[in-house]
Amino acid sequence: AISITDTAEPQVLLMHTHTTESYELIPRDFFDNSFQTRSRDTTRNMVRVGDEIEKQLKLAGIGVIHDTTEHDYPSYTGAYNRSKVTVQNILNENPSIKVVLDVHRDAIGSDDVRTAPVANINGKDAAQVMIISGCDDGTMDYPNYLKNLGFASLLQKQMEGDYPGLTRPVLFSYRYYNQDLTTGSILLEMGGHANSLGEAVYCGELV
């Protein structure tokens, strides 16, 4: 089992395979076709949401490294290969790290509809979060995926218990997502491309 201790040594690595995924600045009940769903502006993309998670972890006395490398710019293709190198290098330099959170933003919709998953928590709208946990179909040489799934399940139970409605169902998928690098690796989808930045940041605070 993973046990996080109160120490200055880094226990958690926050990073972003798709760093430039971004949000609307305000909540809307419509979407503008010209709205760009990616941005290098770290005040409105995944770095901003990661900053909030980092802040809350530090307030809780948990050592954290937040890596803000752009892995999906200028090329989206190959982002996971690039983020794997980043994560492996940081793990090699910081063997105290037990948990790796790859913080993303989902894209939910089709044609002229975009869905913003929200939960009202303490009178304020938060983007809903979905955990993605990779698994092995028997051909992937990924023997420790069940440990990641166990972590994902415990975290899901904790978040939903603390803030009913905050979480979406865990996505269990035949992909690595670089989660073969540690036994505490999960991917977090913080809302979708129709959520506002404020909803996503609040989600980060709650997570």
N, C-alpha and C. Protein backbone atom coordinates (compact mmCIF):
# COMPACT_ATOMS: atom_id res chain seq x y z
N ALA A 1 0.84 -1.19 0.00
CA ALA A 1 0.00 0.00 0.00
C ALA A 1 0.88 1.25 0.00
N ILE A 2 0.38 2.31 -0.64
CA ILE A 2 1.10 3.57 -0.69
C ILE A 2 0.82 4.34 0.58
N SER A 3 1.87 4.84 1.21
CA SER A 3 1.69 5.64 2.41
C SER A 3 2.44 6.96 2.25
N ILE A 4 1.69 8.06 2.28
CA ILE A 4 2.29 9.39 2.19
C ILE A 4 2.61 9.87 3.60
N THR A 5 3.82 10.35 3.79
CA THR A 5 4.24 10.80 5.11
C THR A 5 4.46 12.31 5.10
N ASP A 6 4.43 12.89 6.29
CA ASP A 6 4.62 14.33 6.44
C ASP A 6 6.12 14.62 6.45
N THR A 7 6.64 14.95 5.30
CA THR A 7 8.07 15.16 5.17
C THR A 7 8.34 16.19 4.08
N ALA A 8 9.48 16.84 4.19
CA ALA A 8 9.85 17.83 3.18
C ALA A 8 10.29 17.17 1.88
N GLU A 9 10.68 15.90 1.95
CA GLU A 9 11.08 15.20 0.73
C GLU A 9 9.88 15.06 -0.19
N PRO A 10 10.08 15.20 -1.49
CA PRO A 10 8.94 15.09 -2.41
C PRO A 10 8.32 13.71 -2.39
N GLN A 11 7.02 13.65 -2.17
CA GLN A 11 6.25 12.41 -2.18
C GLN A 11 5.42 12.28 -3.45
N VAL A 12 5.06 13.44 -4.01
CA VAL A 12 4.13 13.49 -5.15
C VAL A 12 4.77 14.27 -6.29
N LEU A 13 4.65 13.72 -7.49
CA LEU A 13 5.03 14.43 -8.71
C LEU A 13 3.76 14.79 -9.47
N LEU A 14 3.56 16.07 -9.71
CA LEU A 14 2.50 16.56 -10.59
C LEU A 14 3.13 16.90 -11.92
N MET A 15 2.52 16.43 -13.01
CA MET A 15 3.04 16.77 -14.33
C MET A 15 1.89 16.72 -15.33
N HIS A 16 2.19 17.10 -16.56
CA HIS A 16 1.15 17.24 -17.57
C HIS A 16 1.67 16.72 -18.91
N THR A 17 1.13 15.60 -19.37
CA THR A 17 1.48 15.14 -20.71
C THR A 17 0.92 16.10 -21.76
N HIS A 18 -0.31 16.58 -21.54
CA HIS A 18 -0.95 17.54 -22.45
C HIS A 18 -1.07 18.88 -21.73
N THR A 19 0.05 19.53 -21.61
CA THR A 19 0.18 20.74 -20.80
C THR A 19 -0.70 21.88 -21.29
N THR A 20 -0.88 22.00 -22.60
CA THR A 20 -1.55 23.18 -23.16
C THR A 20 -3.07 23.04 -23.22
N GLU A 21 -3.63 21.93 -22.74
CA GLU A 21 -5.09 21.84 -22.65
C GLU A 21 -5.58 22.99 -21.76
N SER A 22 -6.64 23.68 -22.20
CA SER A 22 -7.04 24.90 -21.48
C SER A 22 -8.56 24.97 -21.35
N TYR A 23 -9.02 26.06 -20.75
CA TYR A 23 -10.43 26.22 -20.37
C TYR A 23 -10.98 27.56 -20.82
N GLU A 24 -12.30 27.61 -20.91
CA GLU A 24 -12.99 28.90 -21.03
C GLU A 24 -12.69 29.72 -19.78
N LEU A 25 -12.65 31.03 -19.91
CA LEU A 25 -12.34 31.86 -18.74
C LEU A 25 -13.55 32.04 -17.84
N ILE A 26 -14.76 31.93 -18.41
CA ILE A 26 -15.98 32.08 -17.61
C ILE A 26 -16.95 30.96 -17.97
N PRO A 27 -17.86 30.61 -17.04
CA PRO A 27 -18.88 29.60 -17.38
C PRO A 27 -19.79 30.12 -18.49
N ARG A 28 -20.18 29.24 -19.41
CA ARG A 28 -21.08 29.62 -20.50
C ARG A 28 -22.15 28.54 -20.66
N ASP A 29 -23.27 28.94 -21.26
CA ASP A 29 -24.27 27.94 -21.63
C ASP A 29 -24.29 27.74 -23.15
N PHE A 30 -23.25 28.23 -23.81
CA PHE A 30 -23.07 28.03 -25.24
C PHE A 30 -21.57 27.99 -25.50
N PHE A 31 -21.16 27.55 -26.69
CA PHE A 31 -19.74 27.63 -26.98
C PHE A 31 -19.52 28.31 -28.31
N ASP A 32 -18.39 28.98 -28.37
CA ASP A 32 -17.97 29.74 -29.54
C ASP A 32 -17.05 28.83 -30.37
N ASN A 33 -17.42 28.61 -31.64
CA ASN A 33 -16.60 27.74 -32.48
C ASN A 33 -15.17 28.23 -32.64
N SER A 34 -14.96 29.52 -32.40
CA SER A 34 -13.61 30.07 -32.55
C SER A 34 -12.76 29.89 -31.28
N PHE A 35 -13.38 29.39 -30.20
CA PHE A 35 -12.65 29.21 -28.95
C PHE A 35 -11.57 28.16 -29.12
N GLN A 36 -10.34 28.53 -28.80
CA GLN A 36 -9.21 27.61 -28.89
C GLN A 36 -9.08 26.83 -27.59
N THR A 37 -9.11 25.52 -27.68
CA THR A 37 -9.11 24.68 -26.48
C THR A 37 -7.70 24.33 -26.00
N ARG A 38 -6.72 24.95 -26.60
CA ARG A 38 -5.33 24.79 -26.15
C ARG A 38 -4.68 26.16 -26.04
N SER A 39 -3.83 26.29 -25.06
CA SER A 39 -3.16 27.57 -24.83
C SER A 39 -1.83 27.34 -24.15
N ARG A 40 -0.83 28.14 -24.51
CA ARG A 40 0.47 28.08 -23.83
C ARG A 40 0.49 29.02 -22.63
N ASP A 41 -0.61 29.69 -22.37
CA ASP A 41 -0.71 30.61 -21.24
C ASP A 41 -0.91 29.78 -19.96
N THR A 42 0.10 29.75 -19.10
CA THR A 42 0.06 28.89 -17.92
C THR A 42 -0.91 29.37 -16.86
N THR A 43 -1.52 30.54 -17.06
CA THR A 43 -2.55 31.00 -16.12
C THR A 43 -3.92 30.44 -16.46
N ARG A 44 -4.03 29.76 -17.62
CA ARG A 44 -5.34 29.24 -18.01
C ARG A 44 -5.28 27.80 -18.55
N ASN A 45 -4.10 27.19 -18.53
CA ASN A 45 -4.03 25.81 -19.00
C ASN A 45 -3.79 24.86 -17.83
N MET A 46 -3.30 23.65 -18.09
CA MET A 46 -3.20 22.64 -17.03
C MET A 46 -2.22 23.02 -15.94
N VAL A 47 -1.28 23.87 -16.25
CA VAL A 47 -0.32 24.31 -15.23
C VAL A 47 -1.05 25.04 -14.10
N ARG A 48 -2.04 25.85 -14.45
CA ARG A 48 -2.79 26.59 -13.41
C ARG A 48 -3.52 25.62 -12.48
N VAL A 49 -4.11 24.57 -13.03
CA VAL A 49 -4.81 23.59 -12.20
C VAL A 49 -3.80 22.82 -11.35
N GLY A 50 -2.67 22.47 -11.95
CA GLY A 50 -1.61 21.81 -11.20
C GLY A 50 -1.09 22.67 -10.07
N ASP A 51 -1.01 23.98 -10.31
CA ASP A 51 -0.56 24.92 -9.26
C ASP A 51 -1.46 24.83 -8.04
N GLU A 52 -2.77 24.69 -8.27
CA GLU A 52 -3.72 24.64 -7.15
C GLU A 52 -3.57 23.33 -6.38
N ILE A 53 -3.39 22.23 -7.10
CA ILE A 53 -3.16 20.95 -6.41
C ILE A 53 -1.87 21.02 -5.60
N GLU A 54 -0.83 21.58 -6.21
CA GLU A 54 0.46 21.74 -5.50
C GLU A 54 0.29 22.56 -4.23
N LYS A 55 -0.45 23.66 -4.33
CA LYS A 55 -0.68 24.53 -3.16
C LYS A 55 -1.33 23.76 -2.02
N GLN A 56 -2.36 22.99 -2.34
CA GLN A 56 -3.11 22.27 -1.31
C GLN A 56 -2.27 21.15 -0.69
N LEU A 57 -1.48 20.46 -1.51
CA LEU A 57 -0.61 19.41 -0.98
C LEU A 57 0.41 19.99 -0.02
N LYS A 58 0.99 21.12 -0.39
CA LYS A 58 1.99 21.75 0.47
C LYS A 58 1.37 22.22 1.78
N LEU A 59 0.14 22.76 1.69
CA LEU A 59 -0.57 23.16 2.92
C LEU A 59 -0.80 21.97 3.85
N ALA A 60 -0.92 20.77 3.23
CA ALA A 60 -1.13 19.56 4.01
C ALA A 60 0.19 18.95 4.49
N GLY A 61 1.30 19.60 4.19
CA GLY A 61 2.60 19.11 4.63
C GLY A 61 3.18 18.02 3.76
N ILE A 62 2.70 17.90 2.53
CA ILE A 62 3.15 16.85 1.62
C ILE A 62 4.13 17.45 0.61
N GLY A 63 5.33 16.91 0.56
CA GLY A 63 6.34 17.38 -0.39
C GLY A 63 5.92 17.07 -1.82
N VAL A 64 6.06 18.04 -2.70
CA VAL A 64 5.56 17.88 -4.07
C VAL A 64 6.50 18.57 -5.06
N ILE A 65 6.64 17.96 -6.21
CA ILE A 65 7.30 18.59 -7.36
C ILE A 65 6.24 18.78 -8.44
N HIS A 66 6.15 19.99 -8.97
CA HIS A 66 5.23 20.26 -10.06
C HIS A 66 6.05 20.59 -11.30
N ASP A 67 6.07 19.66 -12.23
CA ASP A 67 6.80 19.86 -13.48
C ASP A 67 5.88 20.48 -14.52
N THR A 68 6.31 21.58 -15.13
CA THR A 68 5.45 22.33 -16.06
C THR A 68 5.94 22.24 -17.51
N THR A 69 6.76 21.25 -17.80
CA THR A 69 7.27 21.06 -19.16
C THR A 69 6.11 20.93 -20.15
N GLU A 70 6.21 21.60 -21.28
CA GLU A 70 5.23 21.44 -22.36
C GLU A 70 5.60 20.20 -23.17
N HIS A 71 4.81 19.16 -23.04
CA HIS A 71 5.09 17.93 -23.77
C HIS A 71 4.29 17.82 -25.06
N ASP A 72 3.27 18.67 -25.22
CA ASP A 72 2.38 18.57 -26.39
C ASP A 72 2.53 19.76 -27.34
N TYR A 73 3.60 20.53 -27.16
CA TYR A 73 3.85 21.68 -28.04
C TYR A 73 5.34 21.70 -28.41
N PRO A 74 5.68 21.90 -29.67
CA PRO A 74 4.81 22.25 -30.80
C PRO A 74 4.06 21.06 -31.41
N SER A 75 4.40 19.84 -31.01
CA SER A 75 3.75 18.67 -31.59
C SER A 75 2.95 17.92 -30.54
N TYR A 76 1.67 17.63 -30.85
CA TYR A 76 0.83 16.84 -29.97
C TYR A 76 1.24 15.37 -30.03
N THR A 77 1.56 14.91 -31.23
CA THR A 77 1.98 13.52 -31.43
C THR A 77 3.28 13.27 -30.67
N GLY A 78 3.31 12.16 -29.94
CA GLY A 78 4.52 11.79 -29.21
C GLY A 78 4.61 12.38 -27.81
N ALA A 79 3.52 13.02 -27.35
CA ALA A 79 3.57 13.69 -26.05
C ALA A 79 3.85 12.71 -24.92
N TYR A 80 3.26 11.52 -24.99
CA TYR A 80 3.48 10.54 -23.92
C TYR A 80 4.92 10.03 -23.91
N ASN A 81 5.53 9.92 -25.08
CA ASN A 81 6.94 9.52 -25.12
C ASN A 81 7.82 10.58 -24.46
N ARG A 82 7.50 11.84 -24.72
CA ARG A 82 8.29 12.93 -24.12
C ARG A 82 8.05 13.04 -22.62
N SER A 83 6.79 12.88 -22.20
CA SER A 83 6.52 13.00 -20.76
C SER A 83 7.11 11.80 -20.01
N LYS A 84 7.23 10.66 -20.66
CA LYS A 84 7.85 9.50 -20.01
C LYS A 84 9.29 9.80 -19.64
N VAL A 85 10.00 10.45 -20.53
CA VAL A 85 11.40 10.82 -20.25
C VAL A 85 11.46 11.77 -19.07
N THR A 86 10.58 12.76 -19.05
CA THR A 86 10.54 13.72 -17.95
C THR A 86 10.29 13.02 -16.62
N VAL A 87 9.27 12.17 -16.58
CA VAL A 87 8.91 11.48 -15.34
C VAL A 87 10.05 10.57 -14.88
N GLN A 88 10.62 9.82 -15.82
CA GLN A 88 11.70 8.90 -15.44
C GLN A 88 12.90 9.66 -14.87
N ASN A 89 13.24 10.79 -15.46
CA ASN A 89 14.36 11.59 -14.96
C ASN A 89 14.08 12.12 -13.55
N ILE A 90 12.85 12.58 -13.33
CA ILE A 90 12.51 13.12 -12.01
C ILE A 90 12.47 12.01 -10.97
N LEU A 91 11.96 10.85 -11.33
CA LEU A 91 11.95 9.71 -10.40
C LEU A 91 13.37 9.28 -10.05
N ASN A 92 14.25 9.28 -11.04
CA ASN A 92 15.64 8.89 -10.79
C ASN A 92 16.31 9.85 -9.82
N GLU A 93 15.98 11.14 -9.94
CA GLU A 93 16.59 12.17 -9.09
C GLU A 93 15.91 12.26 -7.72
N ASN A 94 14.69 11.74 -7.61
CA ASN A 94 13.90 11.88 -6.38
C ASN A 94 13.25 10.54 -6.02
N PRO A 95 14.04 9.62 -5.49
CA PRO A 95 13.49 8.29 -5.19
C PRO A 95 12.42 8.29 -4.10
N SER A 96 12.23 9.41 -3.42
CA SER A 96 11.19 9.48 -2.38
C SER A 96 9.79 9.62 -2.96
N ILE A 97 9.68 9.90 -4.26
CA ILE A 97 8.36 10.09 -4.88
C ILE A 97 7.60 8.76 -4.93
N LYS A 98 6.36 8.78 -4.45
CA LYS A 98 5.51 7.59 -4.41
C LYS A 98 4.30 7.69 -5.34
N VAL A 99 3.90 8.92 -5.66
CA VAL A 99 2.69 9.14 -6.44
C VAL A 99 3.01 10.05 -7.61
N VAL A 100 2.53 9.69 -8.80
CA VAL A 100 2.66 10.53 -9.99
C VAL A 100 1.25 10.82 -10.50
N LEU A 101 0.90 12.10 -10.54
CA LEU A 101 -0.40 12.53 -11.04
C LEU A 101 -0.20 13.26 -12.36
N ASP A 102 -0.70 12.68 -13.44
CA ASP A 102 -0.67 13.31 -14.75
C ASP A 102 -1.99 14.05 -14.92
N VAL A 103 -1.95 15.37 -14.84
CA VAL A 103 -3.16 16.19 -14.75
C VAL A 103 -3.54 16.71 -16.13
N HIS A 104 -4.73 16.32 -16.57
CA HIS A 104 -5.25 16.64 -17.91
C HIS A 104 -6.60 17.36 -17.80
N ARG A 105 -7.12 17.67 -18.98
CA ARG A 105 -8.49 18.16 -19.14
C ARG A 105 -9.16 17.34 -20.23
N ASP A 106 -10.37 16.86 -19.96
CA ASP A 106 -11.08 16.02 -20.91
C ASP A 106 -11.70 16.87 -22.02
N ALA A 107 -12.22 16.22 -23.03
CA ALA A 107 -12.99 16.88 -24.09
C ALA A 107 -14.22 16.02 -24.34
N ILE A 108 -15.37 16.50 -23.90
CA ILE A 108 -16.61 15.72 -23.95
C ILE A 108 -17.60 16.44 -24.86
N GLY A 109 -18.01 15.78 -25.92
CA GLY A 109 -18.98 16.42 -26.80
C GLY A 109 -18.96 15.81 -28.18
N SER A 110 -19.89 16.29 -29.01
CA SER A 110 -19.97 15.86 -30.39
C SER A 110 -20.71 16.92 -31.19
N ASP A 111 -20.31 17.07 -32.42
CA ASP A 111 -20.95 18.03 -33.33
C ASP A 111 -21.04 19.42 -32.67
N ASP A 112 -22.26 19.88 -32.40
CA ASP A 112 -22.42 21.24 -31.88
C ASP A 112 -22.71 21.25 -30.38
N VAL A 113 -22.36 20.16 -29.70
CA VAL A 113 -22.59 20.09 -28.25
C VAL A 113 -21.28 19.81 -27.53
N ARG A 114 -21.01 20.61 -26.51
CA ARG A 114 -19.89 20.34 -25.62
C ARG A 114 -20.45 20.22 -24.20
N THR A 115 -19.98 19.22 -23.47
CA THR A 115 -20.50 18.97 -22.13
C THR A 115 -19.49 19.40 -21.09
N ALA A 116 -19.98 20.14 -20.10
CA ALA A 116 -19.15 20.59 -18.98
C ALA A 116 -19.59 19.82 -17.73
N PRO A 117 -18.87 18.79 -17.33
CA PRO A 117 -19.26 18.04 -16.14
C PRO A 117 -19.01 18.86 -14.87
N VAL A 118 -20.05 19.13 -14.11
CA VAL A 118 -19.91 19.95 -12.91
C VAL A 118 -20.60 19.29 -11.73
N ALA A 119 -20.12 19.64 -10.55
CA ALA A 119 -20.76 19.24 -9.30
C ALA A 119 -20.81 20.47 -8.41
N ASN A 120 -21.94 20.67 -7.75
CA ASN A 120 -22.04 21.79 -6.82
C ASN A 120 -21.55 21.33 -5.45
N ILE A 121 -20.43 21.87 -5.04
CA ILE A 121 -19.80 21.48 -3.78
C ILE A 121 -19.79 22.70 -2.86
N ASN A 122 -20.49 22.60 -1.76
CA ASN A 122 -20.56 23.72 -0.80
C ASN A 122 -21.02 25.02 -1.46
N GLY A 123 -22.01 24.89 -2.36
CA GLY A 123 -22.60 26.05 -2.98
C GLY A 123 -21.82 26.64 -4.13
N LYS A 124 -20.81 25.94 -4.62
CA LYS A 124 -19.96 26.47 -5.68
C LYS A 124 -19.71 25.36 -6.70
N ASP A 125 -19.75 25.71 -8.00
CA ASP A 125 -19.57 24.71 -9.05
C ASP A 125 -18.10 24.33 -9.20
N ALA A 126 -17.86 23.03 -9.20
CA ALA A 126 -16.53 22.47 -9.47
C ALA A 126 -16.62 21.60 -10.71
N ALA A 127 -15.59 21.63 -11.53
CA ALA A 127 -15.50 20.65 -12.60
C ALA A 127 -15.39 19.27 -11.98
N GLN A 128 -16.07 18.29 -12.55
CA GLN A 128 -15.93 16.92 -12.05
C GLN A 128 -14.59 16.35 -12.50
N VAL A 129 -14.07 15.43 -11.72
CA VAL A 129 -12.79 14.79 -12.02
C VAL A 129 -13.02 13.33 -12.37
N MET A 130 -12.26 12.85 -13.35
CA MET A 130 -12.28 11.44 -13.70
C MET A 130 -10.87 10.89 -13.61
N ILE A 131 -10.72 9.78 -12.90
CA ILE A 131 -9.44 9.08 -12.83
C ILE A 131 -9.36 8.09 -13.98
N ILE A 132 -8.22 8.06 -14.67
CA ILE A 132 -7.95 7.04 -15.67
C ILE A 132 -6.84 6.14 -15.15
N SER A 133 -7.09 4.86 -15.15
CA SER A 133 -6.12 3.87 -14.68
C SER A 133 -5.89 2.86 -15.79
N GLY A 134 -4.65 2.73 -16.23
CA GLY A 134 -4.33 1.79 -17.29
C GLY A 134 -4.30 0.36 -16.80
N CYS A 135 -4.52 -0.57 -17.70
CA CYS A 135 -4.49 -1.99 -17.32
C CYS A 135 -3.89 -2.82 -18.46
N ASP A 136 -3.60 -4.06 -18.14
CA ASP A 136 -2.93 -4.98 -19.06
C ASP A 136 -3.91 -6.03 -19.56
N ASP A 137 -3.95 -6.22 -20.88
CA ASP A 137 -4.83 -7.25 -21.45
C ASP A 137 -4.14 -8.62 -21.51
N GLY A 138 -2.97 -8.72 -20.89
CA GLY A 138 -2.22 -9.97 -20.90
C GLY A 138 -1.08 -10.00 -21.88
N THR A 139 -0.96 -8.93 -22.70
CA THR A 139 0.10 -8.88 -23.72
C THR A 139 1.04 -7.70 -23.54
N MET A 140 0.87 -6.93 -22.46
CA MET A 140 1.54 -5.63 -22.38
C MET A 140 2.73 -5.60 -21.42
N ASP A 141 3.01 -6.68 -20.71
CA ASP A 141 4.10 -6.71 -19.74
C ASP A 141 3.98 -5.56 -18.75
N TYR A 142 2.83 -5.47 -18.15
CA TYR A 142 2.49 -4.36 -17.23
C TYR A 142 1.93 -4.99 -15.96
N PRO A 143 2.80 -5.69 -15.19
CA PRO A 143 2.31 -6.54 -14.11
C PRO A 143 1.76 -5.79 -12.90
N ASN A 144 2.14 -4.54 -12.71
CA ASN A 144 1.77 -3.84 -11.48
C ASN A 144 0.54 -2.93 -11.64
N TYR A 145 -0.20 -3.09 -12.73
CA TYR A 145 -1.30 -2.17 -12.97
C TYR A 145 -2.38 -2.25 -11.88
N LEU A 146 -2.51 -3.41 -11.24
CA LEU A 146 -3.53 -3.54 -10.20
C LEU A 146 -3.21 -2.68 -8.98
N LYS A 147 -1.93 -2.43 -8.75
CA LYS A 147 -1.56 -1.54 -7.64
C LYS A 147 -2.01 -0.11 -7.94
N ASN A 148 -1.85 0.31 -9.18
CA ASN A 148 -2.35 1.64 -9.57
C ASN A 148 -3.87 1.69 -9.47
N LEU A 149 -4.53 0.61 -9.89
CA LEU A 149 -5.99 0.57 -9.80
C LEU A 149 -6.45 0.63 -8.35
N GLY A 150 -5.72 -0.05 -7.47
CA GLY A 150 -6.05 0.01 -6.05
C GLY A 150 -5.96 1.43 -5.52
N PHE A 151 -4.89 2.13 -5.91
CA PHE A 151 -4.72 3.54 -5.52
C PHE A 151 -5.85 4.39 -6.09
N ALA A 152 -6.17 4.18 -7.37
CA ALA A 152 -7.24 4.93 -8.01
C ALA A 152 -8.56 4.71 -7.28
N SER A 153 -8.84 3.47 -6.90
CA SER A 153 -10.10 3.15 -6.22
C SER A 153 -10.19 3.80 -4.85
N LEU A 154 -9.08 3.78 -4.10
CA LEU A 154 -9.06 4.41 -2.78
C LEU A 154 -9.23 5.92 -2.89
N LEU A 155 -8.56 6.51 -3.86
CA LEU A 155 -8.67 7.96 -4.04
C LEU A 155 -10.08 8.34 -4.45
N GLN A 156 -10.66 7.57 -5.37
CA GLN A 156 -12.04 7.81 -5.80
C GLN A 156 -12.99 7.75 -4.61
N LYS A 157 -12.84 6.71 -3.79
CA LYS A 157 -13.70 6.53 -2.62
C LYS A 157 -13.56 7.71 -1.67
N GLN A 158 -12.32 8.17 -1.47
CA GLN A 158 -12.07 9.28 -0.56
C GLN A 158 -12.68 10.58 -1.08
N MET A 159 -12.45 10.88 -2.35
CA MET A 159 -12.96 12.13 -2.93
C MET A 159 -14.48 12.14 -2.93
N GLU A 160 -15.08 11.02 -3.32
CA GLU A 160 -16.54 10.98 -3.39
C GLU A 160 -17.15 11.01 -1.99
N GLY A 161 -16.46 10.43 -1.02
CA GLY A 161 -16.93 10.50 0.35
C GLY A 161 -16.85 11.90 0.92
N ASP A 162 -15.78 12.60 0.60
CA ASP A 162 -15.61 13.98 1.09
C ASP A 162 -16.54 14.95 0.37
N TYR A 163 -16.68 14.77 -0.95
CA TYR A 163 -17.42 15.71 -1.78
C TYR A 163 -18.33 14.94 -2.74
N PRO A 164 -19.50 14.49 -2.27
CA PRO A 164 -20.38 13.69 -3.13
C PRO A 164 -20.70 14.39 -4.45
N GLY A 165 -20.50 13.66 -5.55
CA GLY A 165 -20.76 14.20 -6.88
C GLY A 165 -19.53 14.72 -7.58
N LEU A 166 -18.40 14.84 -6.87
CA LEU A 166 -17.21 15.43 -7.48
C LEU A 166 -16.62 14.54 -8.56
N THR A 167 -16.76 13.22 -8.40
CA THR A 167 -16.05 12.31 -9.31
C THR A 167 -16.96 11.70 -10.36
N ARG A 168 -16.37 11.42 -11.51
CA ARG A 168 -16.98 10.59 -12.54
C ARG A 168 -16.43 9.17 -12.37
N PRO A 169 -17.06 8.17 -13.00
CA PRO A 169 -16.55 6.81 -12.87
C PRO A 169 -15.10 6.69 -13.35
N VAL A 170 -14.34 5.83 -12.69
CA VAL A 170 -12.96 5.56 -13.12
C VAL A 170 -12.98 4.95 -14.52
N LEU A 171 -12.09 5.42 -15.38
CA LEU A 171 -11.92 4.81 -16.70
C LEU A 171 -10.75 3.83 -16.62
N PHE A 172 -11.04 2.57 -16.88
CA PHE A 172 -10.07 1.48 -16.81
C PHE A 172 -9.77 1.09 -18.24
N SER A 173 -8.53 1.33 -18.71
CA SER A 173 -8.27 1.29 -20.15
C SER A 173 -6.99 0.52 -20.46
N TYR A 174 -7.00 -0.22 -21.57
CA TYR A 174 -5.82 -0.98 -21.99
C TYR A 174 -4.78 -0.06 -22.62
N ARG A 175 -4.20 0.79 -21.79
CA ARG A 175 -3.11 1.67 -22.22
C ARG A 175 -2.17 1.87 -21.05
N TYR A 176 -0.95 2.24 -21.35
CA TYR A 176 0.04 2.44 -20.29
C TYR A 176 -0.10 3.80 -19.61
N TYR A 177 -0.29 4.85 -20.39
CA TYR A 177 -0.31 6.23 -19.88
C TYR A 177 0.94 6.52 -19.02
N ASN A 178 2.03 5.80 -19.28
CA ASN A 178 3.27 5.91 -18.49
C ASN A 178 3.06 5.48 -17.03
N GLN A 179 1.97 4.78 -16.75
CA GLN A 179 1.69 4.38 -15.38
C GLN A 179 2.47 3.12 -14.98
N ASP A 180 3.26 2.59 -15.92
CA ASP A 180 4.12 1.47 -15.60
C ASP A 180 5.41 1.93 -14.91
N LEU A 181 5.57 3.25 -14.76
CA LEU A 181 6.80 3.77 -14.16
C LEU A 181 6.79 3.74 -12.64
N THR A 182 5.61 3.81 -12.03
CA THR A 182 5.49 3.71 -10.58
C THR A 182 4.23 2.91 -10.26
N THR A 183 4.09 2.51 -8.99
CA THR A 183 2.85 1.83 -8.57
C THR A 183 1.89 2.82 -7.92
N GLY A 184 2.15 4.11 -8.10
CA GLY A 184 1.25 5.15 -7.59
C GLY A 184 0.91 6.15 -8.66
N SER A 185 0.75 5.66 -9.89
CA SER A 185 0.52 6.56 -11.04
C SER A 185 -0.93 6.50 -11.51
N ILE A 186 -1.53 7.68 -11.65
CA ILE A 186 -2.86 7.77 -12.25
C ILE A 186 -2.92 9.02 -13.11
N LEU A 187 -3.92 9.06 -13.96
CA LEU A 187 -4.19 10.22 -14.78
C LEU A 187 -5.49 10.85 -14.28
N LEU A 188 -5.49 12.17 -14.14
CA LEU A 188 -6.67 12.89 -13.67
C LEU A 188 -7.19 13.79 -14.80
N GLU A 189 -8.45 13.61 -15.16
CA GLU A 189 -9.12 14.49 -16.12
C GLU A 189 -9.94 15.50 -15.31
N MET A 190 -9.48 16.75 -15.31
CA MET A 190 -10.10 17.80 -14.50
C MET A 190 -11.11 18.56 -15.36
N GLY A 191 -12.36 18.06 -15.37
CA GLY A 191 -13.38 18.68 -16.20
C GLY A 191 -13.13 18.45 -17.67
N GLY A 192 -13.80 19.27 -18.49
CA GLY A 192 -13.67 19.15 -19.94
C GLY A 192 -13.48 20.51 -20.59
N HIS A 193 -13.46 20.51 -21.92
CA HIS A 193 -13.16 21.76 -22.63
C HIS A 193 -14.32 22.76 -22.61
N ALA A 194 -15.44 22.38 -22.00
CA ALA A 194 -16.53 23.35 -21.84
C ALA A 194 -16.58 23.91 -20.42
N ASN A 195 -15.76 23.38 -19.53
CA ASN A 195 -15.72 23.92 -18.17
C ASN A 195 -14.95 25.24 -18.14
N SER A 196 -15.25 26.03 -17.12
CA SER A 196 -14.51 27.29 -16.95
C SER A 196 -13.24 27.03 -16.15
N LEU A 197 -12.31 27.95 -16.27
CA LEU A 197 -11.06 27.86 -15.53
C LEU A 197 -11.34 27.83 -14.03
N GLY A 198 -12.28 28.67 -13.56
CA GLY A 198 -12.59 28.71 -12.13
C GLY A 198 -13.12 27.38 -11.63
N GLU A 199 -13.94 26.71 -12.43
CA GLU A 199 -14.47 25.39 -12.05
C GLU A 199 -13.34 24.36 -11.95
N ALA A 200 -12.38 24.46 -12.88
CA ALA A 200 -11.27 23.51 -12.89
C ALA A 200 -10.32 23.75 -11.72
N VAL A 201 -10.05 25.02 -11.42
CA VAL A 201 -9.17 25.34 -10.30
C VAL A 201 -9.80 24.89 -8.98
N TYR A 202 -11.12 25.10 -8.83
CA TYR A 202 -11.81 24.64 -7.64
C TYR A 202 -11.74 23.11 -7.54
N CYS A 203 -11.86 22.43 -8.65
CA CYS A 203 -11.70 20.99 -8.68
C CYS A 203 -10.31 20.61 -8.17
N GLY A 204 -9.30 21.34 -8.61
CA GLY A 204 -7.94 21.09 -8.14
C GLY A 204 -7.82 21.26 -6.64
N GLU A 205 -8.45 22.29 -6.12
CA GLU A 205 -8.43 22.51 -4.67
C GLU A 205 -9.04 21.33 -3.93
N LEU A 206 -10.18 20.83 -4.40
CA LEU A 206 -10.88 19.74 -3.74
C LEU A 206 -10.12 18.42 -3.87
N VAL A 207 -9.59 18.16 -5.04
CA VAL A 207 -8.81 16.93 -5.27
C VAL A 207 -7.60 16.89 -4.36
